Amino acid sequence: MNSEELVSRARMAMQHAYTPYSDFPVGAAVLYKDGEVIEGVNVENVSFGATNCAERTALFTGVTRGYHKEDVAAIAIAGDTETFLPPCSICRQVMVELCAYETPVYLSDKYGKIKEMTLKELVPYAFTDLDM
């Protein structure tokens, strides 16, 4: 599956986002090395701290299905934004935990443009372990 196809899956997932407070739907799609794609959407809550982002929804679902860090092939993020939509800092840290550092990350905008980077480029100074 190429980057355009994975972003398309993320964009289609956006239709299921639950965003009554922000009206800002986001979709994510995680491609696993076995070809499985798991989509996620943001799910808001009136208590904003209880809101879950699309990237975390997709990755957490992958964990519940038995996938591990080394199984992730790529992740795509889509929103109706003028510029490339990056994940929030909480999602970036979760991605560091649940994806390899060289995992391709596809950021997209509402025009269909895609910016490809690695997780390492997205989070260059990641908090990776508790060995301090």
C-alpha atoms as a PDB file:
ATOM      1  CA  MET A   1       0.000   0.000   0.000  1.00  0.00           C
ATOM      2  CA  ASN A   2       1.430   3.390  -0.961  1.00  0.00           C
ATOM      3  CA  SER A   3       1.214   6.670   0.944  1.00  0.00           C
ATOM      4  CA  GLU A   4      -1.734   7.973  -1.105  1.00  0.00           C
ATOM      5  CA  GLU A   5      -3.797   4.862  -0.399  1.00  0.00           C
ATOM      6  CA  LEU A   6      -3.033   4.988   3.329  1.00  0.00           C
ATOM      7  CA  VAL A   7      -3.908   8.697   3.533  1.00  0.00           C
ATOM      8  CA  SER A   8      -7.146   7.922   1.673  1.00  0.00           C
ATOM      9  CA  ARG A   9      -8.032   5.369   4.370  1.00  0.00           C
ATOM     10  CA  ALA A  10      -7.341   8.011   7.046  1.00  0.00           C
ATOM     11  CA  ARG A  11      -9.513  10.552   5.204  1.00  0.00           C
ATOM     12  CA  MET A  12     -12.381   8.064   4.894  1.00  0.00           C
ATOM     13  CA  ALA A  13     -12.149   7.291   8.613  1.00  0.00           C
ATOM     14  CA  MET A  14     -12.593  11.020   9.399  1.00  0.00           C
ATOM     15  CA  GLN A  15     -16.286  10.643   8.559  1.00  0.00           C
ATOM     16  CA  HIS A  16     -16.736   8.687  11.792  1.00  0.00           C
ATOM     17  CA  ALA A  17     -15.028  11.172  14.109  1.00  0.00           C
ATOM     18  CA  TYR A  18     -17.011  12.322  17.133  1.00  0.00           C
ATOM     19  CA  THR A  19     -16.303  16.062  17.335  1.00  0.00           C
ATOM     20  CA  PRO A  20     -19.328  17.922  18.761  1.00  0.00           C
ATOM     21  CA  TYR A  21     -17.159  20.484  20.593  1.00  0.00           C
ATOM     22  CA  SER A  22     -14.403  21.365  18.134  1.00  0.00           C
ATOM     23  CA  ASP A  23     -15.954  20.319  14.808  1.00  0.00           C
ATOM     24  CA  PHE A  24     -12.399  19.283  13.889  1.00  0.00           C
ATOM     25  CA  PRO A  25     -12.465  15.685  12.641  1.00  0.00           C
ATOM     26  CA  VAL A  26      -9.175  13.827  12.301  1.00  0.00           C
ATOM     27  CA  GLY A  27      -8.542  10.398  10.852  1.00  0.00           C
ATOM     28  CA  ALA A  28      -5.541   8.130  11.119  1.00  0.00           C
ATOM     29  CA  ALA A  29      -4.639   4.856   9.464  1.00  0.00           C
ATOM     30  CA  VAL A  30      -1.926   2.489  10.638  1.00  0.00           C
ATOM     31  CA  LEU A  31      -0.504   0.023   8.131  1.00  0.00           C
ATOM     32  CA  TYR A  32       0.913  -3.144   9.645  1.00  0.00           C
ATOM     33  CA  LYS A  33       3.562  -5.249   7.954  1.00  0.00           C
ATOM     34  CA  ASP A  34       1.083  -8.083   7.365  1.00  0.00           C
ATOM     35  CA  GLY A  35      -1.047  -5.715   5.217  1.00  0.00           C
ATOM     36  CA  GLU A  36      -3.716  -5.023   7.853  1.00  0.00           C
ATOM     37  CA  VAL A  37      -4.853  -1.397   8.120  1.00  0.00           C
ATOM     38  CA  ILE A  38      -6.452  -0.117  11.300  1.00  0.00           C
ATOM     39  CA  GLU A  39      -8.172   3.258  11.193  1.00  0.00           C
ATOM     40  CA  GLY A  40      -8.840   5.588  14.085  1.00  0.00           C
ATOM     41  CA  VAL A  41     -10.696   8.841  14.653  1.00  0.00           C
ATOM     42  CA  ASN A  42     -10.707  11.484  17.327  1.00  0.00           C
ATOM     43  CA  VAL A  43     -13.434  11.025  19.925  1.00  0.00           C
ATOM     44  CA  GLU A  44     -14.172  14.131  21.978  1.00  0.00           C
ATOM     45  CA  ASN A  45     -15.595  14.476  25.437  1.00  0.00           C
ATOM     46  CA  VAL A  46     -17.019  17.535  27.185  1.00  0.00           C
ATOM     47  CA  SER A  47     -14.184  16.980  29.681  1.00  0.00           C
ATOM     48  CA  PHE A  48     -11.482  17.716  27.098  1.00  0.00           C
ATOM     49  CA  GLY A  49      -8.853  15.683  28.951  1.00  0.00           C
ATOM     50  CA  ALA A  50     -10.912  12.569  28.225  1.00  0.00           C
ATOM     51  CA  THR A  51     -10.749  13.177  24.477  1.00  0.00           C
ATOM     52  CA  ASN A  52      -8.802  10.615  22.449  1.00  0.00           C
ATOM     53  CA  CYS A  53      -6.981  11.486  19.230  1.00  0.00           C
ATOM     54  CA  ALA A  54      -7.236   9.524  15.992  1.00  0.00           C
ATOM     55  CA  GLU A  55      -3.622   8.349  16.079  1.00  0.00           C
ATOM     56  CA  ARG A  56      -3.968   6.915  19.576  1.00  0.00           C
ATOM     57  CA  THR A  57      -7.323   5.309  18.737  1.00  0.00           C
ATOM     58  CA  ALA A  58      -5.757   3.466  15.782  1.00  0.00           C
ATOM     59  CA  LEU A  59      -2.571   2.450  17.594  1.00  0.00           C
ATOM     60  CA  PHE A  60      -4.383   1.329  20.751  1.00  0.00           C
ATOM     61  CA  THR A  61      -6.742  -0.764  18.630  1.00  0.00           C
ATOM     62  CA  GLY A  62      -3.703  -2.378  17.044  1.00  0.00           C
ATOM     63  CA  VAL A  63      -2.392  -3.289  20.486  1.00  0.00           C
ATOM     64  CA  THR A  64      -5.726  -4.895  21.387  1.00  0.00           C
ATOM     65  CA  ARG A  65      -5.430  -7.010  18.229  1.00  0.00           C
ATOM     66  CA  GLY A  66      -1.990  -8.258  19.226  1.00  0.00           C
ATOM     67  CA  TYR A  67       0.253  -6.000  17.168  1.00  0.00           C
ATOM     68  CA  HIS A  68       3.614  -4.828  18.487  1.00  0.00           C
ATOM     69  CA  LYS A  69       5.991  -1.950  17.803  1.00  0.00           C
ATOM     70  CA  GLU A  70       7.939  -3.924  15.206  1.00  0.00           C
ATOM     71  CA  ASP A  71       4.724  -4.728  13.284  1.00  0.00           C
ATOM     72  CA  VAL A  72       3.947  -1.124  12.264  1.00  0.00           C
ATOM     73  CA  ALA A  73       4.847  -0.332   8.647  1.00  0.00           C
ATOM     74  CA  ALA A  74       3.523   3.268   8.403  1.00  0.00           C
ATOM     75  CA  ILE A  75       0.969   5.700   9.795  1.00  0.00           C
ATOM     76  CA  ALA A  76      -1.072   8.377   8.007  1.00  0.00           C
ATOM     77  CA  ILE A  77      -2.866  11.365   9.539  1.00  0.00           C
ATOM     78  CA  ALA A  78      -5.593  13.343   7.781  1.00  0.00           C
ATOM     79  CA  GLY A  79      -7.668  16.419   8.549  1.00  0.00           C
ATOM     80  CA  ASP A  80      -9.320  19.253   6.681  1.00  0.00           C
ATOM     81  CA  THR A  81      -6.438  21.649   7.251  1.00  0.00           C
ATOM     82  CA  GLU A  82      -4.706  24.181   5.015  1.00  0.00           C
ATOM     83  CA  THR A  83      -1.289  22.809   5.948  1.00  0.00           C
ATOM     84  CA  PHE A  84       0.046  19.366   6.831  1.00  0.00           C
ATOM     85  CA  LEU A  85      -1.654  18.113  10.000  1.00  0.00           C
ATOM     86  CA  PRO A  86       0.897  16.936  12.579  1.00  0.00           C
ATOM     87  CA  PRO A  87       0.003  14.795  15.577  1.00  0.00           C
ATOM     88  CA  CYS A  88      -0.202  16.424  19.000  1.00  0.00           C
ATOM     89  CA  SER A  89       2.656  15.904  21.426  1.00  0.00           C
ATOM     90  CA  ILE A  90       0.817  13.205  23.390  1.00  0.00           C
ATOM     91  CA  CYS A  91       0.271  11.241  20.171  1.00  0.00           C
ATOM     92  CA  ARG A  92       3.899  11.726  19.191  1.00  0.00           C
ATOM     93  CA  GLN A  93       5.008  10.171  22.464  1.00  0.00           C
ATOM     94  CA  VAL A  94       2.567   7.272  22.016  1.00  0.00           C
ATOM     95  CA  MET A  95       3.906   6.769  18.496  1.00  0.00           C
ATOM     96  CA  VAL A  96       7.450   6.594  19.906  1.00  0.00           C
ATOM     97  CA  GLU A  97       6.237   3.918  22.327  1.00  0.00           C
ATOM     98  CA  LEU A  98       4.284   1.863  19.767  1.00  0.00           C
ATOM     99  CA  CYS A  99       6.187   2.398  16.476  1.00  0.00           C
ATOM    100  CA  ALA A 100       9.805   1.965  15.435  1.00  0.00           C
ATOM    101  CA  TYR A 101      11.813   5.167  15.237  1.00  0.00           C
ATOM    102  CA  GLU A 102      12.211   4.804  11.444  1.00  0.00           C
ATOM    103  CA  THR A 103       8.457   4.316  10.813  1.00  0.00           C
ATOM    104  CA  PRO A 104       7.198   6.438   7.903  1.00  0.00           C
ATOM    105  CA  VAL A 105       4.659   9.065   8.959  1.00  0.00           C
ATOM    106  CA  TYR A 106       2.448  10.623   6.287  1.00  0.00           C
ATOM    107  CA  LEU A 107       1.005  14.037   7.119  1.00  0.00           C
ATOM    108  CA  SER A 108      -1.672  15.348   4.778  1.00  0.00           C
ATOM    109  CA  ASP A 109      -3.759  18.431   4.134  1.00  0.00           C
ATOM    110  CA  LYS A 110      -7.241  18.961   2.719  1.00  0.00           C
ATOM    111  CA  TYR A 111      -5.830  19.334  -0.803  1.00  0.00           C
ATOM    112  CA  GLY A 112      -4.399  15.823  -0.898  1.00  0.00           C
ATOM    113  CA  LYS A 113      -0.772  16.830  -0.553  1.00  0.00           C
ATOM    114  CA  ILE A 114       1.359  14.497   1.558  1.00  0.00           C
ATOM    115  CA  LYS A 115       4.491  15.182   3.573  1.00  0.00           C
ATOM    116  CA  GLU A 116       6.459  12.029   4.331  1.00  0.00           C
ATOM    117  CA  MET A 117       8.823  11.897   7.265  1.00  0.00           C
ATOM    118  CA  THR A 118      10.070   9.347   9.744  1.00  0.00           C
ATOM    119  CA  LEU A 119       8.983   9.233  13.347  1.00  0.00           C
ATOM    120  CA  LYS A 120      12.554  10.174  14.254  1.00  0.00           C
ATOM    121  CA  GLU A 121      12.243  13.354  12.163  1.00  0.00           C
ATOM    122  CA  LEU A 122       8.882  14.130  13.756  1.00  0.00           C
ATOM    123  CA  VAL A 123      10.165  13.577  17.306  1.00  0.00           C
ATOM    124  CA  PRO A 124      13.953  14.120  17.217  1.00  0.00           C
ATOM    125  CA  TYR A 125      14.532  14.160  20.980  1.00  0.00           C
ATOM    126  CA  ALA A 126      11.993  11.559  22.044  1.00  0.00           C
ATOM    127  CA  PHE A 127      11.660  10.311  25.580  1.00  0.00           C
ATOM    128  CA  THR A 128      12.374   6.642  24.895  1.00  0.00           C
ATOM    129  CA  ASP A 129      13.148   4.916  28.196  1.00  0.00           C
ATOM    130  CA  LEU A 130      13.393   5.370  31.925  1.00  0.00           C
ATOM    131  CA  ASP A 131      17.142   4.737  32.108  1.00  0.00           C
ATOM    132  CA  MET A 132      18.340   8.091  33.333  1.00  0.00           C
END
